[in-house]
Amino acid sequence: MASPHGLTFTANGFSPSNWETWEEVPCDAKDTVQDAVQADSWSWTEPLIQALQRVQKLQGTGRTELSFEALKLQSLEPFLEVQALPRQLTKLSLRDNPWQDPALLLSQLQPLHQLISLDLSKCRLDSLTNLPRLQLRHLRLEENQLRSTLGIAGCPRLLEVSLARNRLNSTEQLETLLELRVLDLAENCLTSSQRCLRPLAACTQLSELHLQGNPLAKDGNPLRSLFPSLETLDSRPLRRSRGGVATPVVPTAVPAPRGPWRDDGAVATEYLGKTKSYARRRGGSSRAR
């Protein structure tokens, strides 16, 4: 169905095609939008219009990436009402929005079965228990209020997980991510290597780990021996010892030169001078013969 103001309602959703901001939408068109989707609990604010315009730009392009980052969105409900979220999305960013009900937000992602990359950073999340079962490969959860990772087992195919700058004091269910390769736990409240890290030894493909900013001791052979495949720890490359244990690469100091220091120019000048002197002596002895 099409309205006379450029609004289009199709089987795939809602497309605002002619307006850049909410202020440009005529008053009667605003009423048409709300009546068409039978929405009584919310209104089409400028952030919603901007978000829907981003969805519109995907139509017919074949692209499967969408970002709603920092649009001041409070709910996905309007998009679900008009079926505006493309089911073929593979990458979605909901980062930095003041969601009213973060737990509901997670459950609303269930229809997006093809998602492989999801950014939920700065989304006010305090729990992952509503995280739907998805085939995600990359998940970003930085700067939330998480104290636990319980619920992350619903995404067992994850390769990369970032949980930096939360309030984590446990790492429940992370050990179920058997394909995990990159894990960022920086700046949390992890205090015990035995309790928080030892279970992660099940992640045998882990190659990059970030633990800086946690109270737990992150040095010493016990930690490094837990992860034989580890290549990077806190952004520092590791090297293998003869026993197979990874140790941080420490830059080797360059020994100071002995004797008085002379730059290359002085050495070169002296060399040329001696060469010319030698050549003159050789020339003189030849004439003498």
C-alpha atoms as a PDB file:
ATOM      1  CA  MET A   1       0.000   0.000   0.000  1.00  0.00           C
ATOM      2  CA  ALA A   2       1.296   3.486  -0.857  1.00  0.00           C
ATOM      3  CA  SER A   3       0.375   6.792   0.723  1.00  0.00           C
ATOM      4  CA  PRO A   4       0.269  10.085  -1.253  1.00  0.00           C
ATOM      5  CA  HIS A   5       3.229  11.339   0.770  1.00  0.00           C
ATOM      6  CA  GLY A   6       5.925   8.938  -0.398  1.00  0.00           C
ATOM      7  CA  LEU A   7       5.416   6.251   2.243  1.00  0.00           C
ATOM      8  CA  THR A   8       5.409   2.708   0.918  1.00  0.00           C
ATOM      9  CA  PHE A   9       4.148  -0.379   2.735  1.00  0.00           C
ATOM     10  CA  THR A  10       5.159  -3.649   1.128  1.00  0.00           C
ATOM     11  CA  ALA A  11       5.432  -7.277   2.138  1.00  0.00           C
ATOM     12  CA  ASN A  12       9.021  -6.568   3.136  1.00  0.00           C
ATOM     13  CA  GLY A  13       8.186  -3.625   5.342  1.00  0.00           C
ATOM     14  CA  PHE A  14       8.008   0.149   5.451  1.00  0.00           C
ATOM     15  CA  SER A  15      10.014   2.584   3.327  1.00  0.00           C
ATOM     16  CA  PRO A  16      10.136   6.349   3.985  1.00  0.00           C
ATOM     17  CA  SER A  17      11.368   7.514   0.587  1.00  0.00           C
ATOM     18  CA  ASN A  18      11.087  11.299   0.411  1.00  0.00           C
ATOM     19  CA  TRP A  19      11.952  12.797   3.820  1.00  0.00           C
ATOM     20  CA  GLU A  20      15.276  13.396   5.465  1.00  0.00           C
ATOM     21  CA  THR A  21      13.991  14.285   8.959  1.00  0.00           C
ATOM     22  CA  TRP A  22      10.826  13.829  10.984  1.00  0.00           C
ATOM     23  CA  GLU A  23      10.136  17.569  10.786  1.00  0.00           C
ATOM     24  CA  GLU A  24       9.791  17.304   6.996  1.00  0.00           C
ATOM     25  CA  VAL A  25       6.993  14.737   7.239  1.00  0.00           C
ATOM     26  CA  PRO A  26       3.548  16.399   6.884  1.00  0.00           C
ATOM     27  CA  CYS A  27       1.296  16.067   9.931  1.00  0.00           C
ATOM     28  CA  ASP A  28      -1.312  14.035   8.068  1.00  0.00           C
ATOM     29  CA  ALA A  29       1.403  11.661   6.867  1.00  0.00           C
ATOM     30  CA  LYS A  30       2.554  11.096  10.432  1.00  0.00           C
ATOM     31  CA  ASP A  31      -0.969  10.020  11.297  1.00  0.00           C
ATOM     32  CA  THR A  32      -1.041   7.738   8.258  1.00  0.00           C
ATOM     33  CA  VAL A  33       2.125   5.992   9.409  1.00  0.00           C
ATOM     34  CA  GLN A  34       0.859   5.374  12.914  1.00  0.00           C
ATOM     35  CA  ASP A  35      -2.566   4.221  11.738  1.00  0.00           C
ATOM     36  CA  ALA A  36      -1.085   1.911   9.145  1.00  0.00           C
ATOM     37  CA  VAL A  37       1.001  -0.018  11.658  1.00  0.00           C
ATOM     38  CA  GLN A  38      -1.644   0.212  14.413  1.00  0.00           C
ATOM     39  CA  ALA A  39       0.891   1.493  16.905  1.00  0.00           C
ATOM     40  CA  ASP A  40      -0.551   3.159  19.984  1.00  0.00           C
ATOM     41  CA  SER A  41       2.385   2.821  22.362  1.00  0.00           C
ATOM     42  CA  TRP A  42       5.070   4.608  20.326  1.00  0.00           C
ATOM     43  CA  SER A  43       5.414   7.264  17.647  1.00  0.00           C
ATOM     44  CA  TRP A  44       7.594   7.642  14.556  1.00  0.00           C
ATOM     45  CA  THR A  45      10.328   9.864  15.886  1.00  0.00           C
ATOM     46  CA  GLU A  46      13.248  11.158  13.870  1.00  0.00           C
ATOM     47  CA  PRO A  47      15.566   8.301  15.014  1.00  0.00           C
ATOM     48  CA  LEU A  48      13.032   5.767  13.731  1.00  0.00           C
ATOM     49  CA  ILE A  49      12.779   7.545  10.384  1.00  0.00           C
ATOM     50  CA  GLN A  50      16.583   7.588  10.088  1.00  0.00           C
ATOM     51  CA  ALA A  51      16.808   3.907  10.947  1.00  0.00           C
ATOM     52  CA  LEU A  52      14.125   2.944   8.445  1.00  0.00           C
ATOM     53  CA  GLN A  53      15.861   4.966   5.749  1.00  0.00           C
ATOM     54  CA  ARG A  54      18.963   2.862   6.343  1.00  0.00           C
ATOM     55  CA  VAL A  55      16.872  -0.247   5.846  1.00  0.00           C
ATOM     56  CA  GLN A  56      15.461   1.209   2.636  1.00  0.00           C
ATOM     57  CA  LYS A  57      18.941   1.768   1.222  1.00  0.00           C
ATOM     58  CA  LEU A  58      19.590  -1.982   1.486  1.00  0.00           C
ATOM     59  CA  GLN A  59      16.642  -2.902  -0.707  1.00  0.00           C
ATOM     60  CA  GLY A  60      17.702  -4.141  -4.111  1.00  0.00           C
ATOM     61  CA  THR A  61      21.427  -3.784  -3.366  1.00  0.00           C
ATOM     62  CA  GLY A  62      22.150  -7.337  -2.257  1.00  0.00           C
ATOM     63  CA  ARG A  63      23.943  -5.990   0.813  1.00  0.00           C
ATOM     64  CA  THR A  64      23.344  -7.762   4.109  1.00  0.00           C
ATOM     65  CA  GLU A  65      24.993  -5.369   6.581  1.00  0.00           C
ATOM     66  CA  LEU A  66      23.016  -2.873   8.654  1.00  0.00           C
ATOM     67  CA  SER A  67      24.012  -0.413  11.368  1.00  0.00           C
ATOM     68  CA  PHE A  68      21.709   1.362  13.816  1.00  0.00           C
ATOM     69  CA  GLU A  69      24.653   2.641  15.854  1.00  0.00           C
ATOM     70  CA  ALA A  70      24.007   5.695  18.040  1.00  0.00           C
ATOM     71  CA  LEU A  71      20.548   6.509  16.637  1.00  0.00           C
ATOM     72  CA  LYS A  72      18.979   6.937  20.107  1.00  0.00           C
ATOM     73  CA  LEU A  73      16.622   4.029  19.477  1.00  0.00           C
ATOM     74  CA  GLN A  74      14.708   2.694  22.466  1.00  0.00           C
ATOM     75  CA  SER A  75      12.976  -0.349  20.992  1.00  0.00           C
ATOM     76  CA  LEU A  76      12.950  -2.641  17.961  1.00  0.00           C
ATOM     77  CA  GLU A  77       9.194  -3.091  18.281  1.00  0.00           C
ATOM     78  CA  PRO A  78       8.334  -0.570  15.526  1.00  0.00           C
ATOM     79  CA  PHE A  79      10.508  -2.475  13.067  1.00  0.00           C
ATOM     80  CA  LEU A  80       8.880  -5.768  14.001  1.00  0.00           C
ATOM     81  CA  GLU A  81       5.394  -4.274  13.620  1.00  0.00           C
ATOM     82  CA  VAL A  82       6.045  -3.412   9.971  1.00  0.00           C
ATOM     83  CA  GLN A  83       8.454  -6.299   9.291  1.00  0.00           C
ATOM     84  CA  ALA A  84      11.191  -3.796   8.456  1.00  0.00           C
ATOM     85  CA  LEU A  85      14.219  -5.862   9.481  1.00  0.00           C
ATOM     86  CA  PRO A  86      15.462  -7.891   6.480  1.00  0.00           C
ATOM     87  CA  ARG A  87      15.650 -11.566   7.402  1.00  0.00           C
ATOM     88  CA  GLN A  88      18.756 -12.014   5.224  1.00  0.00           C
ATOM     89  CA  LEU A  89      20.930  -9.762   7.422  1.00  0.00           C
ATOM     90  CA  THR A  90      24.342 -11.231   8.203  1.00  0.00           C
ATOM     91  CA  LYS A  91      25.842  -8.264  10.086  1.00  0.00           C
ATOM     92  CA  LEU A  92      23.951  -5.985  12.472  1.00  0.00           C
ATOM     93  CA  SER A  93      25.108  -3.215  14.810  1.00  0.00           C
ATOM     94  CA  LEU A  94      22.775  -2.002  17.558  1.00  0.00           C
ATOM     95  CA  ARG A  95      25.615  -0.333  19.409  1.00  0.00           C
ATOM     96  CA  ASP A  96      25.173   2.706  21.645  1.00  0.00           C
ATOM     97  CA  ASN A  97      21.392   3.040  21.874  1.00  0.00           C
ATOM     98  CA  PRO A  98      19.353   3.648  25.066  1.00  0.00           C
ATOM     99  CA  TRP A  99      17.203   0.493  24.821  1.00  0.00           C
ATOM    100  CA  GLN A 100      14.328   0.561  27.305  1.00  0.00           C
ATOM    101  CA  ASP A 101      14.234  -3.234  27.754  1.00  0.00           C
ATOM    102  CA  PRO A 102      17.590  -4.839  26.882  1.00  0.00           C
ATOM    103  CA  ALA A 103      16.326  -8.330  27.735  1.00  0.00           C
ATOM    104  CA  LEU A 104      13.435  -7.935  25.283  1.00  0.00           C
ATOM    105  CA  LEU A 105      15.859  -6.601  22.699  1.00  0.00           C
ATOM    106  CA  LEU A 106      17.802  -9.858  22.766  1.00  0.00           C
ATOM    107  CA  SER A 107      14.732 -12.017  22.306  1.00  0.00           C
ATOM    108  CA  GLN A 108      13.626  -9.870  19.349  1.00  0.00           C
ATOM    109  CA  LEU A 109      16.708 -10.968  17.396  1.00  0.00           C
ATOM    110  CA  GLN A 110      15.391 -14.526  17.111  1.00  0.00           C
ATOM    111  CA  PRO A 111      14.051 -14.185  13.504  1.00  0.00           C
ATOM    112  CA  LEU A 112      17.477 -13.131  12.183  1.00  0.00           C
ATOM    113  CA  HIS A 113      18.719 -16.664  11.583  1.00  0.00           C
ATOM    114  CA  GLN A 114      21.436 -15.658   9.110  1.00  0.00           C
ATOM    115  CA  LEU A 115      23.276 -13.257  11.426  1.00  0.00           C
ATOM    116  CA  ILE A 116      26.967 -14.036  11.777  1.00  0.00           C
ATOM    117  CA  SER A 117      28.154 -10.714  13.232  1.00  0.00           C
ATOM    118  CA  LEU A 118      26.358  -8.787  15.990  1.00  0.00           C
ATOM    119  CA  ASP A 119      27.422  -5.679  17.903  1.00  0.00           C
ATOM    120  CA  LEU A 120      25.551  -5.097  21.182  1.00  0.00           C
ATOM    121  CA  SER A 121      28.109  -2.839  22.823  1.00  0.00           C
ATOM    122  CA  LYS A 122      26.833  -0.016  25.044  1.00  0.00           C
ATOM    123  CA  CYS A 123      23.289  -1.417  25.042  1.00  0.00           C
ATOM    124  CA  ARG A 124      22.672  -1.471  28.821  1.00  0.00           C
ATOM    125  CA  LEU A 125      22.768  -5.268  28.925  1.00  0.00           C
ATOM    126  CA  ASP A 126      23.021  -6.836  32.379  1.00  0.00           C
ATOM    127  CA  SER A 127      22.298 -10.426  31.328  1.00  0.00           C
ATOM    128  CA  LEU A 128      22.662 -12.725  28.306  1.00  0.00           C
ATOM    129  CA  THR A 129      20.063 -15.271  29.351  1.00  0.00           C
ATOM    130  CA  ASN A 130      17.670 -14.073  26.608  1.00  0.00           C
ATOM    131  CA  LEU A 131      20.268 -14.316  23.858  1.00  0.00           C
ATOM    132  CA  PRO A 132      18.618 -16.438  21.125  1.00  0.00           C
ATOM    133  CA  ARG A 133      20.223 -19.428  19.479  1.00  0.00           C
ATOM    134  CA  LEU A 134      22.047 -17.947  16.491  1.00  0.00           C
ATOM    135  CA  GLN A 135      24.899 -19.068  14.257  1.00  0.00           C
ATOM    136  CA  LEU A 136      26.998 -16.043  15.208  1.00  0.00           C
ATOM    137  CA  ARG A 137      30.733 -15.993  14.491  1.00  0.00           C
ATOM    138  CA  HIS A 138      31.498 -12.521  15.905  1.00  0.00           C
ATOM    139  CA  LEU A 139      29.873 -10.966  18.973  1.00  0.00           C
ATOM    140  CA  ARG A 140      30.736  -7.621  20.600  1.00  0.00           C
ATOM    141  CA  LEU A 141      29.401  -6.845  24.073  1.00  0.00           C
ATOM    142  CA  GLU A 142      31.732  -4.109  25.317  1.00  0.00           C
ATOM    143  CA  GLU A 143      30.734  -1.466  27.846  1.00  0.00           C
ATOM    144  CA  ASN A 144      27.607  -3.117  29.210  1.00  0.00           C
ATOM    145  CA  GLN A 145      26.729  -4.092  32.784  1.00  0.00           C
ATOM    146  CA  LEU A 146      27.299  -7.828  32.523  1.00  0.00           C
ATOM    147  CA  ARG A 147      28.388  -9.718  35.640  1.00  0.00           C
ATOM    148  CA  SER A 148      28.145 -13.146  34.060  1.00  0.00           C
ATOM    149  CA  THR A 149      28.328 -14.726  30.596  1.00  0.00           C
ATOM    150  CA  LEU A 150      25.542 -17.212  31.335  1.00  0.00           C
ATOM    151  CA  GLY A 151      23.466 -17.570  28.167  1.00  0.00           C
ATOM    152  CA  ILE A 152      26.282 -17.286  25.636  1.00  0.00           C
ATOM    153  CA  ALA A 153      26.177 -21.048  25.073  1.00  0.00           C
ATOM    154  CA  GLY A 154      23.250 -20.406  22.728  1.00  0.00           C
ATOM    155  CA  CYS A 155      25.798 -19.281  20.119  1.00  0.00           C
ATOM    156  CA  PRO A 156      28.244 -22.222  20.064  1.00  0.00           C
ATOM    157  CA  ARG A 157      29.909 -21.315  16.743  1.00  0.00           C
ATOM    158  CA  LEU A 158      31.465 -18.069  17.933  1.00  0.00           C
ATOM    159  CA  LEU A 159      35.012 -17.347  16.758  1.00  0.00           C
ATOM    160  CA  GLU A 160      35.466 -13.916  18.360  1.00  0.00           C
ATOM    161  CA  VAL A 161      33.893 -12.509  21.515  1.00  0.00           C
ATOM    162  CA  SER A 162      34.607  -9.129  23.089  1.00  0.00           C
ATOM    163  CA  LEU A 163      33.388  -8.576  26.668  1.00  0.00           C
ATOM    164  CA  ALA A 164      35.728  -5.740  27.571  1.00  0.00           C
ATOM    165  CA  ARG A 165      34.696  -3.087  30.093  1.00  0.00           C
ATOM    166  CA  ASN A 166      31.869  -4.931  31.824  1.00  0.00           C
ATOM    167  CA  ARG A 167      31.557  -6.102  35.451  1.00  0.00           C
ATOM    168  CA  LEU A 168      32.288  -9.770  34.920  1.00  0.00           C
ATOM    169  CA  ASN A 169      33.301 -11.826  37.938  1.00  0.00           C
ATOM    170  CA  SER A 170      32.779 -15.184  36.206  1.00  0.00           C
ATOM    171  CA  THR A 171      33.126 -16.700  32.732  1.00  0.00           C
ATOM    172  CA  GLU A 172      30.263 -19.181  32.758  1.00  0.00           C
ATOM    173  CA  GLN A 173      29.617 -21.091  29.514  1.00  0.00           C
ATOM    174  CA  LEU A 174      32.519 -19.543  27.632  1.00  0.00           C
ATOM    175  CA  GLU A 175      34.130 -22.984  27.805  1.00  0.00           C
ATOM    176  CA  THR A 176      31.345 -24.283  25.530  1.00  0.00           C
ATOM    177  CA  LEU A 177      32.636 -22.151  22.632  1.00  0.00           C
ATOM    178  CA  LEU A 178      34.949 -24.796  21.247  1.00  0.00           C
ATOM    179  CA  GLU A 179      35.739 -22.848  18.057  1.00  0.00           C
ATOM    180  CA  LEU A 180      36.663 -19.660  19.931  1.00  0.00           C
ATOM    181  CA  ARG A 181      39.865 -17.995  18.718  1.00  0.00           C
ATOM    182  CA  VAL A 182      39.752 -14.425  20.061  1.00  0.00           C
ATOM    183  CA  LEU A 183      38.497 -13.509  23.543  1.00  0.00           C
ATOM    184  CA  ASP A 184      38.625 -10.032  25.093  1.00  0.00           C
ATOM    185  CA  LEU A 185      37.946  -9.925  28.849  1.00  0.00           C
ATOM    186  CA  ALA A 186      39.856  -6.716  29.517  1.00  0.00           C
ATOM    187  CA  GLU A 187      38.821  -4.343  32.302  1.00  0.00           C
ATOM    188  CA  ASN A 188      36.431  -6.561  34.227  1.00  0.00           C
ATOM    189  CA  CYS A 189      36.335  -7.879  37.803  1.00  0.00           C
ATOM    190  CA  LEU A 190      37.920 -11.305  37.333  1.00  0.00           C
ATOM    191  CA  THR A 191      39.888 -12.201  40.461  1.00  0.00           C
ATOM    192  CA  SER A 192      40.694 -15.916  40.260  1.00  0.00           C
ATOM    193  CA  SER A 193      42.632 -17.603  37.464  1.00  0.00           C
ATOM    194  CA  GLN A 194      41.634 -20.987  38.852  1.00  0.00           C
ATOM    195  CA  ARG A 195      37.897 -20.245  38.786  1.00  0.00           C
ATOM    196  CA  CYS A 196      37.640 -17.923  35.797  1.00  0.00           C
ATOM    197  CA  LEU A 197      40.287 -19.129  33.375  1.00  0.00           C
ATOM    198  CA  ARG A 198      40.928 -22.819  33.974  1.00  0.00           C
ATOM    199  CA  PRO A 199      37.571 -23.876  32.451  1.00  0.00           C
ATOM    200  CA  LEU A 200      38.538 -21.992  29.289  1.00  0.00           C
ATOM    201  CA  ALA A 201      41.245 -24.576  28.625  1.00  0.00           C
ATOM    202  CA  ALA A 202      38.495 -26.395  26.726  1.00  0.00           C
ATOM    203  CA  CYS A 203      38.808 -23.682  24.054  1.00  0.00           C
ATOM    204  CA  THR A 204      41.753 -25.390  22.397  1.00  0.00           C
ATOM    205  CA  GLN A 205      41.801 -23.056  19.375  1.00  0.00           C
ATOM    206  CA  LEU A 206      42.137 -19.858  21.408  1.00  0.00           C
ATOM    207  CA  SER A 207      44.946 -17.805  19.881  1.00  0.00           C
ATOM    208  CA  GLU A 208      44.331 -14.290  21.257  1.00  0.00           C
ATOM    209  CA  LEU A 209      43.409 -13.384  24.836  1.00  0.00           C
ATOM    210  CA  HIS A 210      43.028 -10.007  26.561  1.00  0.00           C
ATOM    211  CA  LEU A 211      43.008  -9.840  30.356  1.00  0.00           C
ATOM    212  CA  GLN A 212      44.515  -6.455  31.167  1.00  0.00           C
ATOM    213  CA  GLY A 213      42.662  -4.408  33.744  1.00  0.00           C
ATOM    214  CA  ASN A 214      41.499  -7.394  35.823  1.00  0.00           C
ATOM    215  CA  PRO A 215      42.553  -8.067  39.421  1.00  0.00           C
ATOM    216  CA  LEU A 216      43.618 -11.646  38.653  1.00  0.00           C
ATOM    217  CA  ALA A 217      47.303 -12.386  38.182  1.00  0.00           C
ATOM    218  CA  LYS A 218      47.842 -12.870  34.462  1.00  0.00           C
ATOM    219  CA  ASP A 219      51.521 -13.765  34.547  1.00  0.00           C
ATOM    220  CA  GLY A 220      53.309 -17.014  35.150  1.00  0.00           C
ATOM    221  CA  ASN A 221      53.511 -20.428  33.553  1.00  0.00           C
ATOM    222  CA  PRO A 222      50.215 -21.792  34.998  1.00  0.00           C
ATOM    223  CA  LEU A 223      48.193 -19.344  32.882  1.00  0.00           C
ATOM    224  CA  ARG A 224      50.254 -19.760  29.729  1.00  0.00           C
ATOM    225  CA  SER A 225      50.228 -23.528  29.965  1.00  0.00           C
ATOM    226  CA  LEU A 226      46.419 -23.541  29.974  1.00  0.00           C
ATOM    227  CA  PHE A 227      46.299 -22.295  26.397  1.00  0.00           C
ATOM    228  CA  PRO A 228      48.929 -24.068  24.272  1.00  0.00           C
ATOM    229  CA  SER A 229      47.576 -22.484  21.055  1.00  0.00           C
ATOM    230  CA  LEU A 230      47.831 -18.924  22.433  1.00  0.00           C
ATOM    231  CA  GLU A 231      49.772 -16.535  20.180  1.00  0.00           C
ATOM    232  CA  THR A 232      48.874 -13.146  21.685  1.00  0.00           C
ATOM    233  CA  LEU A 233      48.315 -12.139  25.313  1.00  0.00           C
ATOM    234  CA  ASP A 234      47.212  -8.570  26.081  1.00  0.00           C
ATOM    235  CA  SER A 235      48.305  -7.452  22.603  1.00  0.00           C
ATOM    236  CA  ARG A 236      51.809  -8.892  23.146  1.00  0.00           C
ATOM    237  CA  PRO A 237      53.032 -11.647  20.820  1.00  0.00           C
ATOM    238  CA  LEU A 238      54.120 -14.876  22.474  1.00  0.00           C
ATOM    239  CA  ARG A 239      56.885 -17.265  21.528  1.00  0.00           C
ATOM    240  CA  ARG A 240      57.274 -20.958  22.204  1.00  0.00           C
ATOM    241  CA  SER A 241      59.845 -22.415  24.557  1.00  0.00           C
ATOM    242  CA  ARG A 242      61.316 -25.863  24.031  1.00  0.00           C
ATOM    243  CA  GLY A 243      58.641 -27.335  26.277  1.00  0.00           C
ATOM    244  CA  GLY A 244      55.889 -25.841  24.122  1.00  0.00           C
ATOM    245  CA  VAL A 245      54.908 -23.192  26.676  1.00  0.00           C
ATOM    246  CA  ALA A 246      54.163 -19.757  25.292  1.00  0.00           C
ATOM    247  CA  THR A 247      56.091 -16.878  26.832  1.00  0.00           C
ATOM    248  CA  PRO A 248      55.950 -13.137  26.104  1.00  0.00           C
ATOM    249  CA  VAL A 249      58.451 -11.860  23.584  1.00  0.00           C
ATOM    250  CA  VAL A 250      60.793  -9.459  25.375  1.00  0.00           C
ATOM    251  CA  PRO A 251      62.764  -7.108  23.106  1.00  0.00           C
ATOM    252  CA  THR A 252      66.503  -7.775  23.266  1.00  0.00           C
ATOM    253  CA  ALA A 253      68.581  -4.780  24.319  1.00  0.00           C
ATOM    254  CA  VAL A 254      71.250  -3.652  21.841  1.00  0.00           C
ATOM    255  CA  PRO A 255      74.700  -3.671  23.551  1.00  0.00           C
ATOM    256  CA  ALA A 256      76.368  -0.306  23.836  1.00  0.00           C
ATOM    257  CA  PRO A 257      79.523   0.131  21.712  1.00  0.00           C
ATOM    258  CA  ARG A 258      82.865   0.099  23.475  1.00  0.00           C
ATOM    259  CA  GLY A 259      85.269   3.008  23.345  1.00  0.00           C
ATOM    260  CA  PRO A 260      84.616   6.550  22.189  1.00  0.00           C
ATOM    261  CA  TRP A 261      81.612   6.879  19.907  1.00  0.00           C
ATOM    262  CA  ARG A 262      82.153   7.971  16.312  1.00  0.00           C
ATOM    263  CA  ASP A 263      79.397   8.392  13.793  1.00  0.00           C
ATOM    264  CA  ASP A 264      79.472   6.750  10.361  1.00  0.00           C
ATOM    265  CA  GLY A 265      80.493   9.975   8.680  1.00  0.00           C
ATOM    266  CA  ALA A 266      83.680  10.271  10.758  1.00  0.00           C
ATOM    267  CA  VAL A 267      84.569   6.634  10.101  1.00  0.00           C
ATOM    268  CA  ALA A 268      84.010   7.035   6.380  1.00  0.00           C
ATOM    269  CA  THR A 269      86.115  10.201   6.207  1.00  0.00           C
ATOM    270  CA  GLU A 270      88.993   8.505   8.031  1.00  0.00           C
ATOM    271  CA  TYR A 271      88.788   5.491   5.720  1.00  0.00           C
ATOM    272  CA  LEU A 272      88.929   7.627   2.572  1.00  0.00           C
ATOM    273  CA  GLY A 273      91.868   9.567   3.926  1.00  0.00           C
ATOM    274  CA  LYS A 274      93.834   6.409   4.625  1.00  0.00           C
ATOM    275  CA  THR A 275      92.961   5.022   1.197  1.00  0.00           C
ATOM    276  CA  LYS A 276      94.279   8.139  -0.581  1.00  0.00           C
ATOM    277  CA  SER A 277      97.461   8.102   1.522  1.00  0.00           C
ATOM    278  CA  TYR A 278      98.061   4.462   0.680  1.00  0.00           C
ATOM    279  CA  ALA A 279      97.505   5.145  -3.026  1.00  0.00           C
ATOM    280  CA  ARG A 280     100.063   7.985  -3.001  1.00  0.00           C
ATOM    281  CA  ARG A 281     102.645   5.776  -1.323  1.00  0.00           C
ATOM    282  CA  ARG A 282     102.078   3.038  -3.851  1.00  0.00           C
ATOM    283  CA  GLY A 283     102.407   5.495  -6.731  1.00  0.00           C
ATOM    284  CA  GLY A 284     105.651   6.923  -5.395  1.00  0.00           C
ATOM    285  CA  SER A 285     107.295   3.506  -4.942  1.00  0.00           C
ATOM    286  CA  SER A 286     106.329   2.500  -8.512  1.00  0.00           C
ATOM    287  CA  ARG A 287     107.998   5.598 -10.028  1.00  0.00           C
ATOM    288  CA  ALA A 288     111.089   4.930  -7.979  1.00  0.00           C
ATOM    289  CA  ARG A 289     111.428   1.518  -9.575  1.00  0.00           C
END
